[in-house]
């Protein structure tokens, strides 16, 4: 039902809207990651946050008998959110042309299987990466894709096409690292000025 309507929206509008959202989310994540890396705001204590959330969930659930309603509810909500995203993507791709719904569905299933395999294979190495580093890198990626899509939505022709994403990633990464160093220097000079007063 929504498929034909989605295909009537001009691609440039979709690129502008999604690109802007990605830019906004990316700027927020990168800003916080830079400030945390510079020591301006405190890093998250992941173990403390996990212990707090686990304690809250244990207080709500009864693990001695039957189903744990809190765990089932949490898993259901997460699955529904991700599932709805996949359904929208499949419907949008399937509606864009005749005979594409089945390949889009198989693509979604293949993506699910790939995510499961990668999750099993990479969960330990990724768990070692500090949370702030992951947020920093995700912020860089979101800003890069957002910039790329907003540019395309505004009619900009990237000189090297999709390869421009690599240049955007490098540029945002370099600017993020530079901002960390500048923020560290500013924080140090502010603390020195505070001590001399």
N, C-alpha and C. Protein backbone atom coordinates (compact mmCIF):
# COMPACT_ATOMS: atom_id res chain seq x y z
N UNK A 1 0.81 -1.19 0.00
CA UNK A 1 0.00 0.00 0.00
C UNK A 1 0.87 1.27 0.00
N UNK A 2 1.89 1.33 0.88
CA UNK A 2 2.76 2.50 0.91
C UNK A 2 3.81 2.48 -0.19
N UNK A 3 4.07 1.30 -0.75
CA UNK A 3 5.12 1.17 -1.75
C UNK A 3 4.99 2.15 -2.89
N UNK A 4 3.83 2.20 -3.59
CA UNK A 4 3.69 3.14 -4.71
C UNK A 4 3.81 4.59 -4.28
N UNK A 5 3.35 4.92 -3.07
CA UNK A 5 3.46 6.30 -2.58
C UNK A 5 4.93 6.66 -2.37
N UNK A 6 5.69 5.73 -1.81
CA UNK A 6 7.11 6.00 -1.55
C UNK A 6 7.85 6.30 -2.84
N UNK A 7 7.51 5.59 -3.91
CA UNK A 7 8.21 5.80 -5.17
C UNK A 7 7.89 7.15 -5.80
N UNK A 8 6.81 7.81 -5.36
CA UNK A 8 6.44 9.11 -5.92
C UNK A 8 7.24 10.25 -5.29
N UNK A 9 7.90 10.01 -4.16
CA UNK A 9 8.70 11.04 -3.52
C UNK A 9 9.99 11.21 -4.31
N UNK A 10 10.31 12.43 -4.74
CA UNK A 10 11.54 12.63 -5.50
C UNK A 10 12.77 12.21 -4.69
N UNK A 11 13.70 11.56 -5.37
CA UNK A 11 14.90 11.05 -4.71
C UNK A 11 15.70 12.16 -4.03
N UNK A 12 15.71 13.35 -4.64
CA UNK A 12 16.48 14.45 -4.05
C UNK A 12 15.93 14.84 -2.69
N UNK A 13 14.61 14.79 -2.52
CA UNK A 13 14.01 15.11 -1.21
C UNK A 13 14.42 14.07 -0.17
N UNK A 14 14.38 12.82 -0.57
CA UNK A 14 14.77 11.74 0.35
C UNK A 14 16.24 11.92 0.75
N UNK A 15 17.09 12.22 -0.23
CA UNK A 15 18.52 12.40 0.07
C UNK A 15 18.72 13.59 1.00
N UNK A 16 18.01 14.69 0.75
CA UNK A 16 18.17 15.87 1.60
C UNK A 16 17.69 15.59 3.03
N UNK A 17 16.54 14.95 3.16
CA UNK A 17 15.99 14.69 4.50
C UNK A 17 16.86 13.70 5.26
N UNK A 18 17.15 12.55 4.63
CA UNK A 18 17.97 11.55 5.31
C UNK A 18 19.39 12.06 5.55
N UNK A 19 19.94 12.76 4.57
CA UNK A 19 21.29 13.32 4.74
C UNK A 19 21.36 14.30 5.89
N UNK A 20 20.34 15.15 6.01
CA UNK A 20 20.30 16.12 7.11
C UNK A 20 20.21 15.41 8.46
N UNK A 21 19.35 14.39 8.54
CA UNK A 21 19.24 13.63 9.79
C UNK A 21 20.56 12.96 10.14
N UNK A 22 21.22 12.36 9.15
CA UNK A 22 22.51 11.72 9.41
C UNK A 22 23.54 12.74 9.87
N UNK A 23 23.55 13.91 9.24
CA UNK A 23 24.48 14.96 9.66
C UNK A 23 24.23 15.38 11.10
N UNK A 24 22.97 15.58 11.45
CA UNK A 24 22.65 16.01 12.82
C UNK A 24 23.04 14.96 13.85
N UNK A 25 22.69 13.70 13.59
CA UNK A 25 23.08 12.63 14.51
C UNK A 25 24.60 12.50 14.58
N UNK A 26 25.24 12.56 13.42
CA UNK A 26 26.70 12.42 13.37
C UNK A 26 27.40 13.54 14.12
N UNK A 27 26.91 14.77 13.96
CA UNK A 27 27.53 15.90 14.66
C UNK A 27 27.38 15.73 16.18
N UNK A 28 26.21 15.27 16.60
CA UNK A 28 25.99 15.09 18.04
C UNK A 28 26.91 14.02 18.60
N UNK A 29 26.99 12.87 17.91
CA UNK A 29 27.84 11.79 18.39
C UNK A 29 29.31 12.19 18.37
N UNK A 30 29.73 12.83 17.29
CA UNK A 30 31.14 13.21 17.18
C UNK A 30 31.50 14.28 18.19
N UNK A 31 30.60 15.23 18.43
CA UNK A 31 30.85 16.28 19.43
C UNK A 31 31.08 15.67 20.81
N UNK A 32 30.17 14.77 21.22
CA UNK A 32 30.33 14.14 22.52
C UNK A 32 31.58 13.28 22.59
N UNK A 33 31.89 12.56 21.52
CA UNK A 33 33.09 11.71 21.50
C UNK A 33 34.35 12.55 21.59
N UNK A 34 34.37 13.69 20.91
CA UNK A 34 35.53 14.59 20.97
C UNK A 34 35.69 15.13 22.38
N UNK A 35 34.60 15.59 22.99
CA UNK A 35 34.67 16.14 24.34
C UNK A 35 35.08 15.08 25.36
N UNK A 36 34.62 13.85 25.19
CA UNK A 36 35.03 12.77 26.09
C UNK A 36 36.50 12.42 25.90
N UNK A 37 36.92 12.34 24.64
CA UNK A 37 38.33 12.01 24.36
C UNK A 37 39.25 13.09 24.89
N UNK A 38 38.79 14.34 24.89
CA UNK A 38 39.61 15.44 25.39
C UNK A 38 39.55 15.58 26.90
N UNK A 39 38.67 14.82 27.55
CA UNK A 39 38.55 14.90 29.01
C UNK A 39 37.68 16.05 29.49
N UNK A 40 36.97 16.70 28.58
CA UNK A 40 36.11 17.81 28.96
C UNK A 40 34.87 17.29 29.68
N UNK A 41 34.29 16.19 29.17
CA UNK A 41 33.21 15.52 29.88
C UNK A 41 33.66 14.09 30.17
N UNK A 42 33.11 13.51 31.22
CA UNK A 42 33.56 12.20 31.68
C UNK A 42 33.19 11.10 30.70
N UNK A 43 34.07 10.11 30.60
CA UNK A 43 33.77 8.91 29.83
C UNK A 43 32.69 8.13 30.56
N UNK A 44 31.93 7.36 29.80
CA UNK A 44 30.95 6.47 30.42
C UNK A 44 31.68 5.34 31.12
N UNK A 45 31.26 5.06 32.35
CA UNK A 45 31.78 3.87 33.03
C UNK A 45 30.86 2.73 32.63
N UNK A 46 31.29 1.96 31.62
CA UNK A 46 30.44 0.93 31.04
C UNK A 46 30.05 -0.14 32.05
N UNK A 47 30.97 -0.53 32.91
CA UNK A 47 30.67 -1.57 33.89
C UNK A 47 29.66 -1.07 34.92
N UNK A 48 29.81 0.18 35.32
CA UNK A 48 28.88 0.77 36.28
C UNK A 48 27.48 0.89 35.67
N UNK A 49 27.40 1.35 34.41
CA UNK A 49 26.12 1.47 33.73
C UNK A 49 25.46 0.11 33.55
N UNK A 50 26.26 -0.90 33.21
CA UNK A 50 25.72 -2.26 33.04
C UNK A 50 25.18 -2.78 34.37
N UNK A 51 25.95 -2.57 35.45
CA UNK A 51 25.51 -3.04 36.76
C UNK A 51 24.22 -2.34 37.20
N UNK A 52 24.13 -1.04 36.92
CA UNK A 52 22.93 -0.28 37.29
C UNK A 52 21.71 -0.79 36.53
N UNK A 53 21.84 -0.93 35.19
CA UNK A 53 20.71 -1.40 34.38
C UNK A 53 20.33 -2.83 34.74
N UNK A 54 21.32 -3.68 34.98
CA UNK A 54 21.04 -5.06 35.37
C UNK A 54 20.28 -5.11 36.69
N UNK A 55 20.70 -4.26 37.62
CA UNK A 55 20.01 -4.20 38.91
C UNK A 55 18.56 -3.75 38.78
N UNK A 56 18.33 -2.74 37.92
CA UNK A 56 16.97 -2.27 37.70
C UNK A 56 16.10 -3.36 37.07
N UNK A 57 16.67 -4.09 36.10
CA UNK A 57 15.91 -5.16 35.45
C UNK A 57 15.65 -6.31 36.41
N UNK A 58 16.63 -6.65 37.24
CA UNK A 58 16.43 -7.72 38.22
C UNK A 58 15.34 -7.36 39.22
N UNK A 59 15.28 -6.08 39.58
CA UNK A 59 14.26 -5.64 40.54
C UNK A 59 12.86 -5.75 39.94
N UNK A 60 12.76 -5.64 38.63
CA UNK A 60 11.44 -5.70 37.97
C UNK A 60 11.03 -7.13 37.63
N UNK A 61 11.99 -8.00 37.39
CA UNK A 61 11.66 -9.34 36.93
C UNK A 61 11.71 -10.37 38.04
N UNK A 62 10.99 -11.45 37.82
CA UNK A 62 11.01 -12.58 38.75
C UNK A 62 11.62 -13.75 38.00
N UNK A 63 12.88 -14.07 38.33
CA UNK A 63 13.63 -15.08 37.58
C UNK A 63 13.44 -16.48 38.14
N UNK A 64 12.62 -16.63 39.18
CA UNK A 64 12.51 -17.93 39.82
C UNK A 64 11.51 -18.86 39.16
N UNK A 65 10.51 -18.29 38.49
CA UNK A 65 9.50 -19.17 37.88
C UNK A 65 8.94 -18.54 36.62
N UNK A 66 8.64 -19.39 35.67
CA UNK A 66 8.00 -18.95 34.43
C UNK A 66 8.87 -18.04 33.56
N UNK A 67 8.22 -17.29 32.72
CA UNK A 67 8.89 -16.39 31.79
C UNK A 67 9.31 -15.11 32.49
N UNK A 68 10.42 -14.58 32.08
CA UNK A 68 10.85 -13.27 32.58
C UNK A 68 10.20 -12.22 31.68
N UNK A 69 9.15 -11.59 32.18
CA UNK A 69 8.37 -10.66 31.37
C UNK A 69 9.20 -9.46 30.92
N UNK A 70 10.08 -8.96 31.77
CA UNK A 70 10.89 -7.80 31.41
C UNK A 70 11.83 -8.14 30.26
N UNK A 71 12.47 -9.30 30.33
CA UNK A 71 13.40 -9.71 29.27
C UNK A 71 12.65 -9.93 27.96
N UNK A 72 11.50 -10.59 28.03
CA UNK A 72 10.71 -10.84 26.82
C UNK A 72 10.25 -9.51 26.22
N UNK A 73 9.79 -8.59 27.06
CA UNK A 73 9.32 -7.29 26.59
C UNK A 73 10.46 -6.50 25.93
N UNK A 74 11.64 -6.49 26.56
CA UNK A 74 12.78 -5.77 26.01
C UNK A 74 13.20 -6.35 24.67
N UNK A 75 13.31 -7.67 24.59
CA UNK A 75 13.70 -8.31 23.34
C UNK A 75 12.66 -8.06 22.25
N UNK A 76 11.38 -8.08 22.62
CA UNK A 76 10.31 -7.85 21.65
C UNK A 76 10.40 -6.44 21.09
N UNK A 77 10.60 -5.44 21.96
CA UNK A 77 10.68 -4.04 21.49
C UNK A 77 11.84 -3.86 20.54
N UNK A 78 13.00 -4.39 20.88
CA UNK A 78 14.17 -4.24 20.02
C UNK A 78 13.93 -4.92 18.68
N UNK A 79 13.39 -6.11 18.72
CA UNK A 79 13.13 -6.85 17.48
C UNK A 79 12.11 -6.13 16.62
N UNK A 80 11.08 -5.58 17.23
CA UNK A 80 10.06 -4.87 16.47
C UNK A 80 10.62 -3.63 15.79
N UNK A 81 11.44 -2.86 16.50
CA UNK A 81 12.01 -1.64 15.90
C UNK A 81 12.87 -2.00 14.70
N UNK A 82 13.78 -2.95 14.88
CA UNK A 82 14.65 -3.34 13.76
C UNK A 82 13.85 -4.00 12.65
N UNK A 83 12.88 -4.81 13.02
CA UNK A 83 12.06 -5.48 12.02
C UNK A 83 11.26 -4.51 11.17
N UNK A 84 10.70 -3.47 11.80
CA UNK A 84 9.94 -2.47 11.07
C UNK A 84 10.84 -1.74 10.08
N UNK A 85 12.08 -1.42 10.48
CA UNK A 85 13.02 -0.78 9.56
C UNK A 85 13.24 -1.65 8.33
N UNK A 86 13.46 -2.93 8.54
CA UNK A 86 13.69 -3.85 7.42
C UNK A 86 12.47 -3.92 6.53
N UNK A 87 11.28 -3.98 7.13
CA UNK A 87 10.05 -4.05 6.33
C UNK A 87 9.92 -2.80 5.46
N UNK A 88 10.19 -1.62 6.02
CA UNK A 88 10.11 -0.40 5.22
C UNK A 88 11.10 -0.42 4.05
N UNK A 89 12.31 -0.89 4.31
CA UNK A 89 13.32 -0.95 3.25
C UNK A 89 12.88 -1.92 2.16
N UNK A 90 12.42 -3.09 2.56
CA UNK A 90 11.99 -4.10 1.59
C UNK A 90 10.81 -3.58 0.77
N UNK A 91 9.83 -2.94 1.42
CA UNK A 91 8.67 -2.40 0.72
C UNK A 91 9.11 -1.30 -0.25
N UNK A 92 10.00 -0.43 0.20
CA UNK A 92 10.45 0.66 -0.67
C UNK A 92 11.18 0.13 -1.89
N UNK A 93 12.08 -0.82 -1.69
CA UNK A 93 12.82 -1.40 -2.83
C UNK A 93 11.87 -2.20 -3.70
N UNK A 94 11.00 -2.98 -3.09
CA UNK A 94 10.06 -3.80 -3.85
C UNK A 94 9.08 -2.97 -4.66
N UNK A 95 8.75 -1.78 -4.16
CA UNK A 95 7.78 -0.94 -4.87
C UNK A 95 8.42 -0.16 -6.01
N UNK A 96 9.74 -0.11 -6.04
CA UNK A 96 10.39 0.71 -7.06
C UNK A 96 10.37 0.07 -8.44
N UNK A 97 10.00 -1.17 -8.55
CA UNK A 97 9.92 -1.80 -9.87
C UNK A 97 9.23 -3.15 -9.78
N UNK A 98 8.77 -3.62 -10.91
CA UNK A 98 8.07 -4.90 -10.93
C UNK A 98 9.03 -6.05 -10.67
N UNK A 99 8.59 -6.97 -9.87
CA UNK A 99 9.38 -8.16 -9.62
C UNK A 99 10.53 -7.97 -8.66
N UNK A 100 10.60 -6.83 -7.96
CA UNK A 100 11.71 -6.58 -7.04
C UNK A 100 11.40 -6.95 -5.60
N UNK A 101 10.14 -7.22 -5.28
CA UNK A 101 9.78 -7.52 -3.90
C UNK A 101 10.43 -8.81 -3.42
N UNK A 102 10.41 -9.84 -4.25
CA UNK A 102 11.02 -11.11 -3.86
C UNK A 102 12.54 -10.99 -3.70
N UNK A 103 13.27 -10.38 -4.67
CA UNK A 103 14.71 -10.20 -4.45
C UNK A 103 15.02 -9.33 -3.23
N UNK A 104 14.19 -8.30 -2.97
CA UNK A 104 14.41 -7.46 -1.78
C UNK A 104 14.21 -8.26 -0.51
N UNK A 105 13.23 -9.16 -0.50
CA UNK A 105 13.00 -10.01 0.66
C UNK A 105 14.16 -10.97 0.88
N UNK A 106 14.65 -11.58 -0.21
CA UNK A 106 15.82 -12.46 -0.08
C UNK A 106 17.05 -11.68 0.37
N UNK A 107 17.18 -10.44 -0.10
CA UNK A 107 18.29 -9.60 0.34
C UNK A 107 18.22 -9.31 1.83
N UNK A 108 17.01 -9.05 2.34
CA UNK A 108 16.83 -8.81 3.78
C UNK A 108 17.18 -10.05 4.58
N UNK A 109 16.76 -11.22 4.09
CA UNK A 109 17.09 -12.48 4.76
C UNK A 109 18.59 -12.73 4.75
N UNK A 110 19.23 -12.48 3.61
CA UNK A 110 20.69 -12.65 3.51
C UNK A 110 21.40 -11.69 4.46
N UNK A 111 20.90 -10.46 4.57
CA UNK A 111 21.50 -9.48 5.48
C UNK A 111 21.36 -9.94 6.93
N UNK A 112 20.21 -10.50 7.27
CA UNK A 112 19.99 -11.03 8.62
C UNK A 112 21.00 -12.12 8.94
N UNK A 113 21.16 -13.06 8.01
CA UNK A 113 22.12 -14.16 8.22
C UNK A 113 23.54 -13.63 8.33
N UNK A 114 23.89 -12.65 7.49
CA UNK A 114 25.24 -12.07 7.53
C UNK A 114 25.49 -11.37 8.87
N UNK A 115 24.50 -10.63 9.36
CA UNK A 115 24.65 -9.95 10.65
C UNK A 115 24.83 -10.97 11.78
N UNK A 116 24.08 -12.07 11.73
CA UNK A 116 24.22 -13.10 12.76
C UNK A 116 25.63 -13.69 12.72
N UNK A 117 26.11 -14.05 11.53
CA UNK A 117 27.44 -14.64 11.39
C UNK A 117 28.52 -13.65 11.85
N UNK A 118 28.42 -12.39 11.41
CA UNK A 118 29.40 -11.39 11.82
C UNK A 118 29.33 -11.12 13.32
N UNK A 119 28.11 -11.12 13.87
CA UNK A 119 27.96 -10.91 15.31
C UNK A 119 28.64 -12.00 16.12
N UNK A 120 28.48 -13.24 15.68
CA UNK A 120 29.12 -14.36 16.38
C UNK A 120 30.63 -14.28 16.21
N UNK A 121 31.09 -13.97 15.00
CA UNK A 121 32.52 -13.97 14.71
C UNK A 121 33.26 -12.78 15.33
N UNK A 122 32.61 -11.62 15.38
CA UNK A 122 33.33 -10.40 15.75
C UNK A 122 32.95 -9.83 17.12
N UNK A 123 32.06 -10.50 17.86
CA UNK A 123 31.61 -9.87 19.11
C UNK A 123 32.74 -9.68 20.11
N UNK A 124 33.68 -10.62 20.18
CA UNK A 124 34.78 -10.45 21.14
C UNK A 124 35.75 -9.34 20.73
N UNK A 125 36.22 -9.30 19.47
CA UNK A 125 37.12 -8.20 19.10
C UNK A 125 36.47 -6.83 19.23
N UNK A 126 35.19 -6.72 18.87
CA UNK A 126 34.52 -5.42 18.95
C UNK A 126 34.28 -5.02 20.40
N UNK A 127 34.05 -5.99 21.27
CA UNK A 127 33.82 -5.68 22.69
C UNK A 127 35.06 -5.08 23.34
N UNK A 128 36.23 -5.31 22.76
CA UNK A 128 37.48 -4.77 23.31
C UNK A 128 37.64 -3.28 22.98
N UNK A 129 37.01 -2.84 21.89
CA UNK A 129 37.13 -1.43 21.48
C UNK A 129 36.37 -0.56 22.47
N UNK A 130 37.00 0.49 22.99
CA UNK A 130 36.30 1.37 23.94
C UNK A 130 35.07 2.01 23.30
N UNK A 131 34.05 2.20 24.13
CA UNK A 131 32.78 2.76 23.66
C UNK A 131 32.97 4.10 22.97
N UNK A 132 33.79 4.96 23.54
CA UNK A 132 33.97 6.30 22.98
C UNK A 132 34.62 6.24 21.60
N UNK A 133 35.54 5.31 21.40
CA UNK A 133 36.18 5.15 20.08
C UNK A 133 35.15 4.73 19.05
N UNK A 134 34.27 3.79 19.41
CA UNK A 134 33.20 3.38 18.50
C UNK A 134 32.29 4.55 18.16
N UNK A 135 31.91 5.33 19.16
CA UNK A 135 31.02 6.47 18.92
C UNK A 135 31.71 7.52 18.05
N UNK A 136 32.99 7.71 18.26
CA UNK A 136 33.77 8.64 17.44
C UNK A 136 33.73 8.20 15.98
N UNK A 137 34.00 6.92 15.73
CA UNK A 137 34.02 6.40 14.36
C UNK A 137 32.63 6.42 13.73
N UNK A 138 31.60 6.08 14.50
CA UNK A 138 30.23 6.13 13.97
C UNK A 138 29.85 7.57 13.65
N UNK A 139 30.25 8.51 14.49
CA UNK A 139 29.99 9.92 14.22
C UNK A 139 30.63 10.38 12.92
N UNK A 140 31.87 9.93 12.68
CA UNK A 140 32.56 10.25 11.43
C UNK A 140 31.80 9.68 10.24
N UNK A 141 31.39 8.41 10.34
CA UNK A 141 30.67 7.76 9.24
C UNK A 141 29.32 8.44 8.97
N UNK A 142 28.57 8.75 10.02
CA UNK A 142 27.27 9.40 9.85
C UNK A 142 27.43 10.76 9.19
N UNK A 143 28.42 11.52 9.60
CA UNK A 143 28.64 12.84 9.00
C UNK A 143 29.04 12.71 7.54
N UNK A 144 29.87 11.71 7.24
CA UNK A 144 30.30 11.53 5.85
C UNK A 144 29.14 11.17 4.94
N UNK A 145 28.34 10.19 5.35
CA UNK A 145 27.19 9.80 4.54
C UNK A 145 26.18 10.94 4.46
N UNK A 146 25.97 11.63 5.57
CA UNK A 146 25.04 12.77 5.56
C UNK A 146 25.49 13.85 4.60
N UNK A 147 26.77 14.19 4.63
CA UNK A 147 27.30 15.20 3.72
C UNK A 147 27.14 14.77 2.27
N UNK A 148 27.46 13.50 2.01
CA UNK A 148 27.37 12.96 0.65
C UNK A 148 25.94 13.04 0.13
N UNK A 149 24.97 12.61 0.94
CA UNK A 149 23.58 12.59 0.50
C UNK A 149 23.00 13.99 0.38
N UNK A 150 23.34 14.88 1.30
CA UNK A 150 22.86 16.26 1.18
C UNK A 150 23.43 16.88 -0.09
N UNK A 151 24.71 16.62 -0.35
CA UNK A 151 25.31 17.13 -1.59
C UNK A 151 24.59 16.62 -2.83
N UNK A 152 24.31 15.31 -2.85
CA UNK A 152 23.59 14.76 -3.99
C UNK A 152 22.17 15.31 -4.08
N UNK A 153 21.52 15.47 -2.93
CA UNK A 153 20.17 16.02 -2.93
C UNK A 153 20.12 17.45 -3.43
N UNK A 154 21.22 18.19 -3.24
CA UNK A 154 21.29 19.57 -3.73
C UNK A 154 21.78 19.64 -5.18
N UNK A 155 22.00 18.48 -5.80
CA UNK A 155 22.42 18.46 -7.20
C UNK A 155 23.92 18.51 -7.41
N UNK A 156 24.67 18.36 -6.34
CA UNK A 156 26.14 18.40 -6.45
C UNK A 156 26.63 17.12 -7.11
N UNK A 157 27.55 17.25 -8.03
CA UNK A 157 28.15 16.09 -8.69
C UNK A 157 29.51 15.84 -8.05
N UNK A 158 29.65 14.72 -7.35
CA UNK A 158 30.92 14.38 -6.73
C UNK A 158 31.88 13.97 -7.83
N UNK A 159 33.06 14.57 -7.85
CA UNK A 159 33.99 14.38 -8.98
C UNK A 159 34.41 12.93 -9.16
N UNK A 160 34.56 12.19 -8.07
CA UNK A 160 34.97 10.78 -8.18
C UNK A 160 33.87 9.84 -7.72
N UNK A 161 32.65 10.32 -7.71
CA UNK A 161 31.51 9.48 -7.37
C UNK A 161 31.53 9.01 -5.92
N UNK A 162 31.23 7.74 -5.72
CA UNK A 162 31.14 7.17 -4.37
C UNK A 162 32.48 7.14 -3.65
N UNK A 163 33.56 7.24 -4.38
CA UNK A 163 34.89 7.27 -3.75
C UNK A 163 35.04 8.51 -2.88
N UNK A 164 34.22 9.52 -3.16
CA UNK A 164 34.25 10.74 -2.34
C UNK A 164 33.96 10.44 -0.88
N UNK A 165 33.22 9.37 -0.61
CA UNK A 165 32.94 8.99 0.78
C UNK A 165 34.22 8.73 1.55
N UNK A 166 35.20 8.09 0.90
CA UNK A 166 36.47 7.83 1.57
C UNK A 166 37.17 9.14 1.94
N UNK A 167 37.14 10.09 1.02
CA UNK A 167 37.75 11.39 1.30
C UNK A 167 37.01 12.12 2.42
N UNK A 168 35.68 12.04 2.40
CA UNK A 168 34.90 12.65 3.48
C UNK A 168 35.21 12.01 4.82
N UNK A 169 35.32 10.68 4.84
CA UNK A 169 35.66 9.97 6.07
C UNK A 169 37.01 10.43 6.60
N UNK A 170 38.00 10.48 5.73
CA UNK A 170 39.35 10.92 6.15
C UNK A 170 39.32 12.36 6.64
N UNK A 171 38.58 13.22 5.94
CA UNK A 171 38.50 14.62 6.35
C UNK A 171 37.85 14.80 7.70
N UNK A 172 36.71 14.12 7.92
CA UNK A 172 36.03 14.22 9.21
C UNK A 172 36.83 13.55 10.32
N UNK A 173 37.52 12.47 10.02
CA UNK A 173 38.37 11.83 11.01
C UNK A 173 39.50 12.75 11.42
N UNK A 174 40.17 13.35 10.44
CA UNK A 174 41.28 14.27 10.73
C UNK A 174 40.78 15.48 11.52
N UNK A 175 39.62 16.03 11.13
CA UNK A 175 39.12 17.20 11.87
C UNK A 175 38.71 16.81 13.28
N UNK A 176 38.17 15.61 13.46
CA UNK A 176 37.81 15.15 14.80
C UNK A 176 39.03 14.99 15.70
N UNK A 177 40.10 14.40 15.16
CA UNK A 177 41.34 14.24 15.93
C UNK A 177 41.93 15.61 16.27
N UNK A 178 41.89 16.52 15.30
CA UNK A 178 42.39 17.88 15.55
C UNK A 178 41.57 18.57 16.63
N UNK A 179 40.26 18.39 16.60
CA UNK A 179 39.41 19.00 17.64
C UNK A 179 39.68 18.41 19.02
N UNK A 180 40.00 17.10 19.09
CA UNK A 180 40.37 16.50 20.37
C UNK A 180 41.61 17.18 20.91
N UNK A 181 42.61 17.34 20.05
CA UNK A 181 43.87 17.98 20.50
C UNK A 181 43.66 19.43 20.91
N UNK A 182 42.86 20.16 20.14
CA UNK A 182 42.58 21.55 20.50
C UNK A 182 41.81 21.63 21.81
N UNK A 183 40.85 20.74 21.99
CA UNK A 183 40.06 20.73 23.24
C UNK A 183 40.93 20.36 24.43
N UNK A 184 41.85 19.41 24.24
CA UNK A 184 42.78 19.04 25.32
C UNK A 184 43.64 20.24 25.70
N UNK A 185 44.19 20.92 24.69
CA UNK A 185 45.04 22.08 24.95
C UNK A 185 44.26 23.18 25.65
N UNK A 186 43.02 23.39 25.23
CA UNK A 186 42.20 24.42 25.86
C UNK A 186 41.87 24.06 27.30
N UNK A 187 41.56 22.78 27.54
CA UNK A 187 41.25 22.34 28.90
C UNK A 187 42.46 22.49 29.81
N UNK A 188 43.64 22.16 29.28
CA UNK A 188 44.87 22.29 30.08
C UNK A 188 45.14 23.75 30.39
N UNK A 189 45.01 24.62 29.39
CA UNK A 189 45.27 26.04 29.64
C UNK A 189 44.25 26.65 30.60
N UNK A 190 43.01 26.18 30.53
CA UNK A 190 41.97 26.66 31.45
C UNK A 190 42.27 26.21 32.87
N UNK A 191 42.76 24.96 33.03
CA UNK A 191 43.06 24.48 34.38
C UNK A 191 44.29 25.19 34.95
N UNK A 192 45.27 25.48 34.09
CA UNK A 192 46.46 26.21 34.54
C UNK A 192 46.08 27.62 34.94
N UNK A 193 45.22 28.26 34.16
CA UNK A 193 44.76 29.61 34.49
C UNK A 193 43.96 29.61 35.79
N UNK A 194 43.19 28.57 36.03
CA UNK A 194 42.42 28.46 37.26
C UNK A 194 43.31 28.27 38.47
N UNK A 195 44.42 27.53 38.30
CA UNK A 195 45.34 27.30 39.42
C UNK A 195 46.12 28.56 39.78
N UNK A 196 46.40 29.41 38.79
CA UNK A 196 47.18 30.61 39.07
C UNK A 196 46.36 31.71 39.72
N UNK A 197 45.03 31.60 39.64
CA UNK A 197 44.19 32.65 40.23
C UNK A 197 44.13 32.56 41.71
